[in-house]
Amino acid sequence: MNPRAEISARVVKVLENGNYFIAGKREILVDDQKQIMQLSGVIRPYDIDQYNSIDSSKVSDARILYKTEGDVDRATKQGWGTKIVQAVWPF
């Protein structure tokens, strides 16, 4: 399986050598769970294809963040004692 995600990014700065520093963010809400993806890094202008896209393997100094926010995220961060009580407590 080859997971794939697309994130729109914009050129934040043109570097002295002609390369671009880019940054982008995407937020998706699924079942009251927010998924946040952020990307930043440096790309070469000639790596941008005819569809104005670039493969992530061509982003140098890449910083990629993926996190979730919501009930599922909060539940997974609870202490072990709380998890045990919630598992056996019917209310």
PDB file of N, CA and C in Angstrom:
ATOM      1  N   MET A   1       0.844  -1.179   0.000  1.00  0.00           N
ATOM      2  CA  MET A   1       0.000   0.000   0.000  1.00  0.00           C
ATOM      3  C   MET A   1       0.887   1.239   0.000  1.00  0.00           C
ATOM      4  N   ASN A   2       0.536   2.202  -0.802  1.00  0.00           N
ATOM      5  CA  ASN A   2       1.295   3.444  -0.909  1.00  0.00           C
ATOM      6  C   ASN A   2       0.382   4.601  -0.519  1.00  0.00           C
ATOM      7  N   PRO A   3       0.406   5.004   0.778  1.00  0.00           N
ATOM      8  CA  PRO A   3      -0.466   6.108   1.189  1.00  0.00           C
ATOM      9  C   PRO A   3      -0.071   7.397   0.491  1.00  0.00           C
ATOM     10  N   ARG A   4      -1.054   8.198   0.179  1.00  0.00           N
ATOM     11  CA  ARG A   4      -0.789   9.421  -0.569  1.00  0.00           C
ATOM     12  C   ARG A   4      -1.675  10.533  -0.025  1.00  0.00           C
ATOM     13  N   ALA A   5      -1.083  11.690   0.132  1.00  0.00           N
ATOM     14  CA  ALA A   5      -1.831  12.870   0.546  1.00  0.00           C
ATOM     15  C   ALA A   5      -1.325  14.047  -0.262  1.00  0.00           C
ATOM     16  N   GLU A   6      -2.202  14.944  -0.556  1.00  0.00           N
ATOM     17  CA  GLU A   6      -1.818  16.148  -1.284  1.00  0.00           C
ATOM     18  C   GLU A   6      -2.033  17.359  -0.397  1.00  0.00           C
ATOM     19  N   ILE A   7      -1.038  18.229  -0.371  1.00  0.00           N
ATOM     20  CA  ILE A   7      -1.109  19.456   0.406  1.00  0.00           C
ATOM     21  C   ILE A   7      -0.725  20.609  -0.509  1.00  0.00           C
ATOM     22  N   SER A   8      -1.563  21.621  -0.552  1.00  0.00           N
ATOM     23  CA  SER A   8      -1.217  22.825  -1.301  1.00  0.00           C
ATOM     24  C   SER A   8      -0.233  23.639  -0.478  1.00  0.00           C
ATOM     25  N   ALA A   9       0.769  24.151  -1.144  1.00  0.00           N
ATOM     26  CA  ALA A   9       1.771  24.975  -0.459  1.00  0.00           C
ATOM     27  C   ALA A   9       2.039  26.201  -1.317  1.00  0.00           C
ATOM     28  N   ARG A  10       2.598  27.205  -0.682  1.00  0.00           N
ATOM     29  CA  ARG A  10       2.936  28.415  -1.433  1.00  0.00           C
ATOM     30  C   ARG A  10       4.392  28.772  -1.183  1.00  0.00           C
ATOM     31  N   VAL A  11       4.940  29.527  -2.105  1.00  0.00           N
ATOM     32  CA  VAL A  11       6.310  29.994  -1.965  1.00  0.00           C
ATOM     33  C   VAL A  11       6.313  31.116  -0.931  1.00  0.00           C
ATOM     34  N   VAL A  12       7.041  30.908   0.154  1.00  0.00           N
ATOM     35  CA  VAL A  12       7.115  31.888   1.217  1.00  0.00           C
ATOM     36  C   VAL A  12       8.292  32.829   0.984  1.00  0.00           C
ATOM     37  N   LYS A  13       9.366  32.268   0.405  1.00  0.00           N
ATOM     38  CA  LYS A  13      10.570  33.063   0.208  1.00  0.00           C
ATOM     39  C   LYS A  13      11.374  32.499  -0.953  1.00  0.00           C
ATOM     40  N   VAL A  14      11.935  33.379  -1.772  1.00  0.00           N
ATOM     41  CA  VAL A  14      12.872  32.976  -2.810  1.00  0.00           C
ATOM     42  C   VAL A  14      14.267  33.159  -2.222  1.00  0.00           C
ATOM     43  N   LEU A  15      15.026  32.056  -2.166  1.00  0.00           N
ATOM     44  CA  LEU A  15      16.348  32.085  -1.574  1.00  0.00           C
ATOM     45  C   LEU A  15      17.375  32.678  -2.549  1.00  0.00           C
ATOM     46  N   GLU A  16      18.536  33.040  -2.051  1.00  0.00           N
ATOM     47  CA  GLU A  16      19.570  33.672  -2.879  1.00  0.00           C
ATOM     48  C   GLU A  16      19.998  32.805  -4.057  1.00  0.00           C
ATOM     49  N   ASN A  17      19.980  31.479  -3.868  1.00  0.00           N
ATOM     50  CA  ASN A  17      20.396  30.572  -4.938  1.00  0.00           C
ATOM     51  C   ASN A  17      19.278  30.284  -5.944  1.00  0.00           C
ATOM     52  N   GLY A  18      18.115  30.895  -5.767  1.00  0.00           N
ATOM     53  CA  GLY A  18      16.992  30.710  -6.690  1.00  0.00           C
ATOM     54  C   GLY A  18      16.007  29.643  -6.250  1.00  0.00           C
ATOM     55  N   ASN A  19      16.343  28.883  -5.230  1.00  0.00           N
ATOM     56  CA  ASN A  19      15.419  27.878  -4.713  1.00  0.00           C
ATOM     57  C   ASN A  19      14.294  28.555  -3.937  1.00  0.00           C
ATOM     58  N   TYR A  20      13.212  27.800  -3.716  1.00  0.00           N
ATOM     59  CA  TYR A  20      12.039  28.342  -3.033  1.00  0.00           C
ATOM     60  C   TYR A  20      11.868  27.683  -1.675  1.00  0.00           C
ATOM     61  N   PHE A  21      11.541  28.486  -0.657  1.00  0.00           N
ATOM     62  CA  PHE A  21      11.110  27.943   0.621  1.00  0.00           C
ATOM     63  C   PHE A  21       9.587  27.931   0.576  1.00  0.00           C
ATOM     64  N   ILE A  22       8.996  26.745   0.777  1.00  0.00           N
ATOM     65  CA  ILE A  22       7.540  26.604   0.679  1.00  0.00           C
ATOM     66  C   ILE A  22       6.950  26.193   2.029  1.00  0.00           C
ATOM     67  N   ALA A  23       5.667  26.473   2.205  1.00  0.00           N
ATOM     68  CA  ALA A  23       4.942  26.047   3.401  1.00  0.00           C
ATOM     69  C   ALA A  23       3.477  25.843   3.039  1.00  0.00           C
ATOM     70  N   GLY A  24       2.873  24.837   3.661  1.00  0.00           N
ATOM     71  CA  GLY A  24       1.459  24.576   3.425  1.00  0.00           C
ATOM     72  C   GLY A  24       0.846  23.827   4.581  1.00  0.00           C
ATOM     73  N   LYS A  25      -0.474  23.892   4.669  1.00  0.00           N
ATOM     74  CA  LYS A  25      -1.209  23.246   5.758  1.00  0.00           C
ATOM     75  C   LYS A  25      -2.558  22.763   5.229  1.00  0.00           C
ATOM     76  N   ARG A  26      -2.994  21.615   5.727  1.00  0.00           N
ATOM     77  CA  ARG A  26      -4.304  21.080   5.369  1.00  0.00           C
ATOM     78  C   ARG A  26      -4.966  20.534   6.616  1.00  0.00           C
ATOM     79  N   GLU A  27      -6.222  20.910   6.820  1.00  0.00           N
ATOM     80  CA  GLU A  27      -7.000  20.410   7.948  1.00  0.00           C
ATOM     81  C   GLU A  27      -8.223  19.689   7.400  1.00  0.00           C
ATOM     82  N   ILE A  28      -8.475  18.497   7.940  1.00  0.00           N
ATOM     83  CA  ILE A  28      -9.618  17.693   7.520  1.00  0.00           C
ATOM     84  C   ILE A  28     -10.373  17.281   8.773  1.00  0.00           C
ATOM     85  N   LEU A  29     -11.693  17.398   8.753  1.00  0.00           N
ATOM     86  CA  LEU A  29     -12.523  16.980   9.879  1.00  0.00           C
ATOM     87  C   LEU A  29     -13.248  15.700   9.500  1.00  0.00           C
ATOM     88  N   VAL A  30     -12.964  14.614  10.235  1.00  0.00           N
ATOM     89  CA  VAL A  30     -13.593  13.323   9.992  1.00  0.00           C
ATOM     90  C   VAL A  30     -14.147  12.810  11.312  1.00  0.00           C
ATOM     91  N   ASP A  31     -15.463  12.640  11.394  1.00  0.00           N
ATOM     92  CA  ASP A  31     -16.114  12.120  12.605  1.00  0.00           C
ATOM     93  C   ASP A  31     -15.670  12.878  13.859  1.00  0.00           C
ATOM     94  N   ASP A  32     -15.754  14.187  13.828  1.00  0.00           N
ATOM     95  CA  ASP A  32     -15.364  15.053  14.953  1.00  0.00           C
ATOM     96  C   ASP A  32     -13.901  14.903  15.350  1.00  0.00           C
ATOM     97  N   GLN A  33     -13.091  14.387  14.466  1.00  0.00           N
ATOM     98  CA  GLN A  33     -11.657  14.238  14.688  1.00  0.00           C
ATOM     99  C   GLN A  33     -10.942  15.086  13.640  1.00  0.00           C
ATOM    100  N   LYS A  34     -10.209  16.094  14.089  1.00  0.00           N
ATOM    101  CA  LYS A  34      -9.505  16.966  13.161  1.00  0.00           C
ATOM    102  C   LYS A  34      -8.130  16.377  12.844  1.00  0.00           C
ATOM    103  N   GLN A  35      -7.832  16.237  11.555  1.00  0.00           N
ATOM    104  CA  GLN A  35      -6.527  15.778  11.106  1.00  0.00           C
ATOM    105  C   GLN A  35      -5.800  16.976  10.502  1.00  0.00           C
ATOM    106  N   ILE A  36      -4.602  17.235  10.993  1.00  0.00           N
ATOM    107  CA  ILE A  36      -3.833  18.390  10.542  1.00  0.00           C
ATOM    108  C   ILE A  36      -2.537  17.898   9.916  1.00  0.00           C
ATOM    109  N   MET A  37      -2.256  18.371   8.707  1.00  0.00           N
ATOM    110  CA  MET A  37      -1.005  18.056   8.023  1.00  0.00           C
ATOM    111  C   MET A  37      -0.319  19.368   7.663  1.00  0.00           C
ATOM    112  N   GLN A  38       0.959  19.475   7.990  1.00  0.00           N
ATOM    113  CA  GLN A  38       1.723  20.670   7.651  1.00  0.00           C
ATOM    114  C   GLN A  38       3.006  20.241   6.962  1.00  0.00           C
ATOM    115  N   LEU A  39       3.427  21.040   6.013  1.00  0.00           N
ATOM    116  CA  LEU A  39       4.642  20.760   5.256  1.00  0.00           C
ATOM    117  C   LEU A  39       5.404  22.054   5.044  1.00  0.00           C
ATOM    118  N   SER A  40       6.719  22.000   5.191  1.00  0.00           N
ATOM    119  CA  SER A  40       7.569  23.112   4.803  1.00  0.00           C
ATOM    120  C   SER A  40       8.906  22.541   4.358  1.00  0.00           C
ATOM    121  N   GLY A  41       9.612  23.295   3.533  1.00  0.00           N
ATOM    122  CA  GLY A  41      10.913  22.853   3.053  1.00  0.00           C
ATOM    123  C   GLY A  41      11.376  23.690   1.886  1.00  0.00           C
ATOM    124  N   VAL A  42      12.460  23.238   1.273  1.00  0.00           N
ATOM    125  CA  VAL A  42      13.081  23.955   0.162  1.00  0.00           C
ATOM    126  C   VAL A  42      12.967  23.106  -1.100  1.00  0.00           C
ATOM    127  N   ILE A  43      12.559  23.741  -2.183  1.00  0.00           N
ATOM    128  CA  ILE A  43      12.455  23.044  -3.473  1.00  0.00           C
ATOM    129  C   ILE A  43      13.219  23.817  -4.545  1.00  0.00           C
ATOM    130  N   ARG A  44      13.584  23.093  -5.601  1.00  0.00           N
ATOM    131  CA  ARG A  44      14.214  23.726  -6.762  1.00  0.00           C
ATOM    132  C   ARG A  44      13.119  24.025  -7.785  1.00  0.00           C
ATOM    133  N   PRO A  45      13.135  25.184  -8.400  1.00  0.00           N
ATOM    134  CA  PRO A  45      12.072  25.542  -9.346  1.00  0.00           C
ATOM    135  C   PRO A  45      11.917  24.545 -10.488  1.00  0.00           C
ATOM    136  N   TYR A  46      13.016  23.957 -10.950  1.00  0.00           N
ATOM    137  CA  TYR A  46      12.902  23.049 -12.096  1.00  0.00           C
ATOM    138  C   TYR A  46      12.405  21.654 -11.707  1.00  0.00           C
ATOM    139  N   ASP A  47      12.178  21.397 -10.432  1.00  0.00           N
ATOM    140  CA  ASP A  47      11.561  20.128 -10.008  1.00  0.00           C
ATOM    141  C   ASP A  47      10.037  20.195 -10.038  1.00  0.00           C
ATOM    142  N   ILE A  48       9.481  21.378 -10.226  1.00  0.00           N
ATOM    143  CA  ILE A  48       8.025  21.533 -10.302  1.00  0.00           C
ATOM    144  C   ILE A  48       7.562  21.018 -11.657  1.00  0.00           C
ATOM    145  N   ASP A  49       6.600  20.100 -11.672  1.00  0.00           N
ATOM    146  CA  ASP A  49       6.168  19.499 -12.934  1.00  0.00           C
ATOM    147  C   ASP A  49       5.138  20.363 -13.662  1.00  0.00           C
ATOM    148  N   GLN A  50       4.676  19.865 -14.781  1.00  0.00           N
ATOM    149  CA  GLN A  50       3.745  20.619 -15.632  1.00  0.00           C
ATOM    150  C   GLN A  50       2.399  20.868 -14.969  1.00  0.00           C
ATOM    151  N   TYR A  51       2.086  20.121 -13.899  1.00  0.00           N
ATOM    152  CA  TYR A  51       0.827  20.301 -13.188  1.00  0.00           C
ATOM    153  C   TYR A  51       1.008  21.164 -11.940  1.00  0.00           C
ATOM    154  N   ASN A  52       2.153  21.829 -11.849  1.00  0.00           N
ATOM    155  CA  ASN A  52       2.496  22.698 -10.716  1.00  0.00           C
ATOM    156  C   ASN A  52       2.573  21.897  -9.424  1.00  0.00           C
ATOM    157  N   SER A  53       3.078  20.674  -9.521  1.00  0.00           N
ATOM    158  CA  SER A  53       3.200  19.764  -8.387  1.00  0.00           C
ATOM    159  C   SER A  53       4.650  19.336  -8.220  1.00  0.00           C
ATOM    160  N   ILE A  54       4.953  18.841  -7.039  1.00  0.00           N
ATOM    161  CA  ILE A  54       6.297  18.328  -6.770  1.00  0.00           C
ATOM    162  C   ILE A  54       6.168  17.155  -5.810  1.00  0.00           C
ATOM    163  N   ASP A  55       6.965  16.121  -6.033  1.00  0.00           N
ATOM    164  CA  ASP A  55       6.971  14.961  -5.162  1.00  0.00           C
ATOM    165  C   ASP A  55       7.702  15.300  -3.867  1.00  0.00           C
ATOM    166  N   SER A  56       7.220  14.783  -2.755  1.00  0.00           N
ATOM    167  CA  SER A  56       7.824  15.118  -1.454  1.00  0.00           C
ATOM    168  C   SER A  56       9.276  14.671  -1.354  1.00  0.00           C
ATOM    169  N   SER A  57       9.674  13.685  -2.147  1.00  0.00           N
ATOM    170  CA  SER A  57      11.068  13.239  -2.111  1.00  0.00           C
ATOM    171  C   SER A  57      12.018  14.302  -2.657  1.00  0.00           C
ATOM    172  N   LYS A  58      11.479  15.316  -3.316  1.00  0.00           N
ATOM    173  CA  LYS A  58      12.300  16.398  -3.872  1.00  0.00           C
ATOM    174  C   LYS A  58      12.273  17.655  -3.015  1.00  0.00           C
ATOM    175  N   VAL A  59      11.725  17.542  -1.808  1.00  0.00           N
ATOM    176  CA  VAL A  59      11.687  18.664  -0.872  1.00  0.00           C
ATOM    177  C   VAL A  59      12.838  18.474   0.113  1.00  0.00           C
ATOM    178  N   SER A  60      13.812  19.367   0.068  1.00  0.00           N
ATOM    179  CA  SER A  60      14.922  19.243   1.008  1.00  0.00           C
ATOM    180  C   SER A  60      14.580  19.974   2.304  1.00  0.00           C
ATOM    181  N   ASP A  61      15.247  19.580   3.363  1.00  0.00           N
ATOM    182  CA  ASP A  61      14.990  20.137   4.689  1.00  0.00           C
ATOM    183  C   ASP A  61      13.499  20.089   5.023  1.00  0.00           C
ATOM    184  N   ALA A  62      12.860  19.008   4.585  1.00  0.00           N
ATOM    185  CA  ALA A  62      11.408  18.881   4.757  1.00  0.00           C
ATOM    186  C   ALA A  62      11.041  18.723   6.226  1.00  0.00           C
ATOM    187  N   ARG A  63      10.018  19.438   6.603  1.00  0.00           N
ATOM    188  CA  ARG A  63       9.394  19.291   7.927  1.00  0.00           C
ATOM    189  C   ARG A  63       7.947  18.919   7.665  1.00  0.00           C
ATOM    190  N   ILE A  64       7.596  17.721   8.078  1.00  0.00           N
ATOM    191  CA  ILE A  64       6.242  17.221   7.845  1.00  0.00           C
ATOM    192  C   ILE A  64       5.625  16.890   9.194  1.00  0.00           C
ATOM    193  N   LEU A  65       4.461  17.454   9.450  1.00  0.00           N
ATOM    194  CA  LEU A  65       3.758  17.237  10.708  1.00  0.00           C
ATOM    195  C   LEU A  65       2.393  16.645  10.400  1.00  0.00           C
ATOM    196  N   TYR A  66       2.054  15.586  11.112  1.00  0.00           N
ATOM    197  CA  TYR A  66       0.712  15.013  11.024  1.00  0.00           C
ATOM    198  C   TYR A  66       0.222  14.804  12.450  1.00  0.00           C
ATOM    199  N   LYS A  67      -0.890  15.401  12.792  1.00  0.00           N
ATOM    200  CA  LYS A  67      -1.444  15.208  14.123  1.00  0.00           C
ATOM    201  C   LYS A  67      -2.959  15.213  14.054  1.00  0.00           C
ATOM    202  N   THR A  68      -3.552  14.674  15.112  1.00  0.00           N
ATOM    203  CA  THR A  68      -5.005  14.632  15.205  1.00  0.00           C
ATOM    204  C   THR A  68      -5.436  15.346  16.476  1.00  0.00           C
ATOM    205  N   GLU A  69      -6.612  15.913  16.430  1.00  0.00           N
ATOM    206  CA  GLU A  69      -7.213  16.575  17.581  1.00  0.00           C
ATOM    207  C   GLU A  69      -8.664  16.142  17.657  1.00  0.00           C
ATOM    208  N   GLY A  70      -9.098  15.769  18.840  1.00  0.00           N
ATOM    209  CA  GLY A  70     -10.488  15.363  19.021  1.00  0.00           C
ATOM    210  C   GLY A  70     -10.615  14.338  20.121  1.00  0.00           C
ATOM    211  N   ASP A  71     -11.792  13.716  20.210  1.00  0.00           N
ATOM    212  CA  ASP A  71     -12.076  12.765  21.284  1.00  0.00           C
ATOM    213  C   ASP A  71     -11.132  11.569  21.257  1.00  0.00           C
ATOM    214  N   VAL A  72     -10.883  11.021  20.082  1.00  0.00           N
ATOM    215  CA  VAL A  72     -10.001   9.856  19.985  1.00  0.00           C
ATOM    216  C   VAL A  72      -8.601  10.220  20.447  1.00  0.00           C
ATOM    217  N   ASP A  73      -8.118  11.367  20.035  1.00  0.00           N
ATOM    218  CA  ASP A  73      -6.786  11.823  20.440  1.00  0.00           C
ATOM    219  C   ASP A  73      -6.710  12.008  21.954  1.00  0.00           C
ATOM    220  N   ARG A  74      -7.719  12.633  22.528  1.00  0.00           N
ATOM    221  CA  ARG A  74      -7.725  12.850  23.985  1.00  0.00           C
ATOM    222  C   ARG A  74      -7.806  11.525  24.735  1.00  0.00           C
ATOM    223  N   ALA A  75      -8.590  10.579  24.232  1.00  0.00           N
ATOM    224  CA  ALA A  75      -8.730   9.290  24.908  1.00  0.00           C
ATOM    225  C   ALA A  75      -7.425   8.511  24.912  1.00  0.00           C
ATOM    226  N   THR A  76      -6.664   8.621  23.868  1.00  0.00           N
ATOM    227  CA  THR A  76      -5.405   7.876  23.803  1.00  0.00           C
ATOM    228  C   THR A  76      -4.328   8.493  24.670  1.00  0.00           C
ATOM    229  N   LYS A  77      -4.526   9.723  25.130  1.00  0.00           N
ATOM    230  CA  LYS A  77      -3.524  10.380  25.964  1.00  0.00           C
ATOM    231  C   LYS A  77      -3.836  10.288  27.453  1.00  0.00           C
ATOM    232  N   GLN A  78      -4.908   9.605  27.829  1.00  0.00           N
ATOM    233  CA  GLN A  78      -5.265   9.476  29.232  1.00  0.00           C
ATOM    234  C   GLN A  78      -4.320   8.499  29.929  1.00  0.00           C
ATOM    235  N   GLY A  79      -4.179   8.669  31.222  1.00  0.00           N
ATOM    236  CA  GLY A  79      -3.345   7.768  32.004  1.00  0.00           C
ATOM    237  C   GLY A  79      -3.933   6.379  32.084  1.00  0.00           C
ATOM    238  N   TRP A  80      -3.106   5.418  32.488  1.00  0.00           N
ATOM    239  CA  TRP A  80      -3.559   4.037  32.514  1.00  0.00           C
ATOM    240  C   TRP A  80      -4.660   3.820  33.549  1.00  0.00           C
ATOM    241  N   GLY A  81      -4.615   4.551  34.652  1.00  0.00           N
ATOM    242  CA  GLY A  81      -5.655   4.413  35.666  1.00  0.00           C
ATOM    243  C   GLY A  81      -7.014   4.843  35.151  1.00  0.00           C
ATOM    244  N   THR A  82      -7.051   5.962  34.471  1.00  0.00           N
ATOM    245  CA  THR A  82      -8.292   6.465  33.892  1.00  0.00           C
ATOM    246  C   THR A  82      -8.832   5.498  32.843  1.00  0.00           C
ATOM    247  N   LYS A  83      -7.962   4.931  32.042  1.00  0.00           N
ATOM    248  CA  LYS A  83      -8.386   3.984  31.003  1.00  0.00           C
ATOM    249  C   LYS A  83      -9.023   2.738  31.622  1.00  0.00           C
ATOM    250  N   ILE A  84      -8.458   2.265  32.734  1.00  0.00           N
ATOM    251  CA  ILE A  84      -9.018   1.084  33.400  1.00  0.00           C
ATOM    252  C   ILE A  84     -10.402   1.393  33.959  1.00  0.00           C
ATOM    253  N   VAL A  85     -10.527   2.537  34.637  1.00  0.00           N
ATOM    254  CA  VAL A  85     -11.820   2.923  35.207  1.00  0.00           C
ATOM    255  C   VAL A  85     -12.865   3.062  34.102  1.00  0.00           C
ATOM    256  N   GLN A  86     -12.510   3.691  32.983  1.00  0.00           N
ATOM    257  CA  GLN A  86     -13.462   3.862  31.891  1.00  0.00           C
ATOM    258  C   GLN A  86     -13.835   2.524  31.249  1.00  0.00           C
ATOM    259  N   ALA A  87     -12.914   1.568  31.261  1.00  0.00           N
ATOM    260  CA  ALA A  87     -13.195   0.276  30.646  1.00  0.00           C
ATOM    261  C   ALA A  87     -14.195  -0.534  31.453  1.00  0.00           C
ATOM    262  N   VAL A  88     -14.176  -0.385  32.788  1.00  0.00           N
ATOM    263  CA  VAL A  88     -15.070  -1.194  33.616  1.00  0.00           C
ATOM    264  C   VAL A  88     -16.279  -0.429  34.147  1.00  0.00           C
ATOM    265  N   TRP A  89     -16.235   0.872  34.142  1.00  0.00           N
ATOM    266  CA  TRP A  89     -17.326   1.696  34.648  1.00  0.00           C
ATOM    267  C   TRP A  89     -18.415   1.820  33.595  1.00  0.00           C
ATOM    268  N   PRO A  90     -19.644   1.401  33.895  1.00  0.00           N
ATOM    269  CA  PRO A  90     -20.698   1.398  32.889  1.00  0.00           C
ATOM    270  C   PRO A  90     -21.324   2.762  32.618  1.00  0.00           C
ATOM    271  N   PHE A  91     -20.992   3.808  33.391  1.00  0.00           N
ATOM    272  CA  PHE A  91     -21.652   5.091  33.223  1.00  0.00           C
ATOM    273  C   PHE A  91     -20.723   6.105  32.660  1.00  0.00           C
TER     274      PHE A  91
END
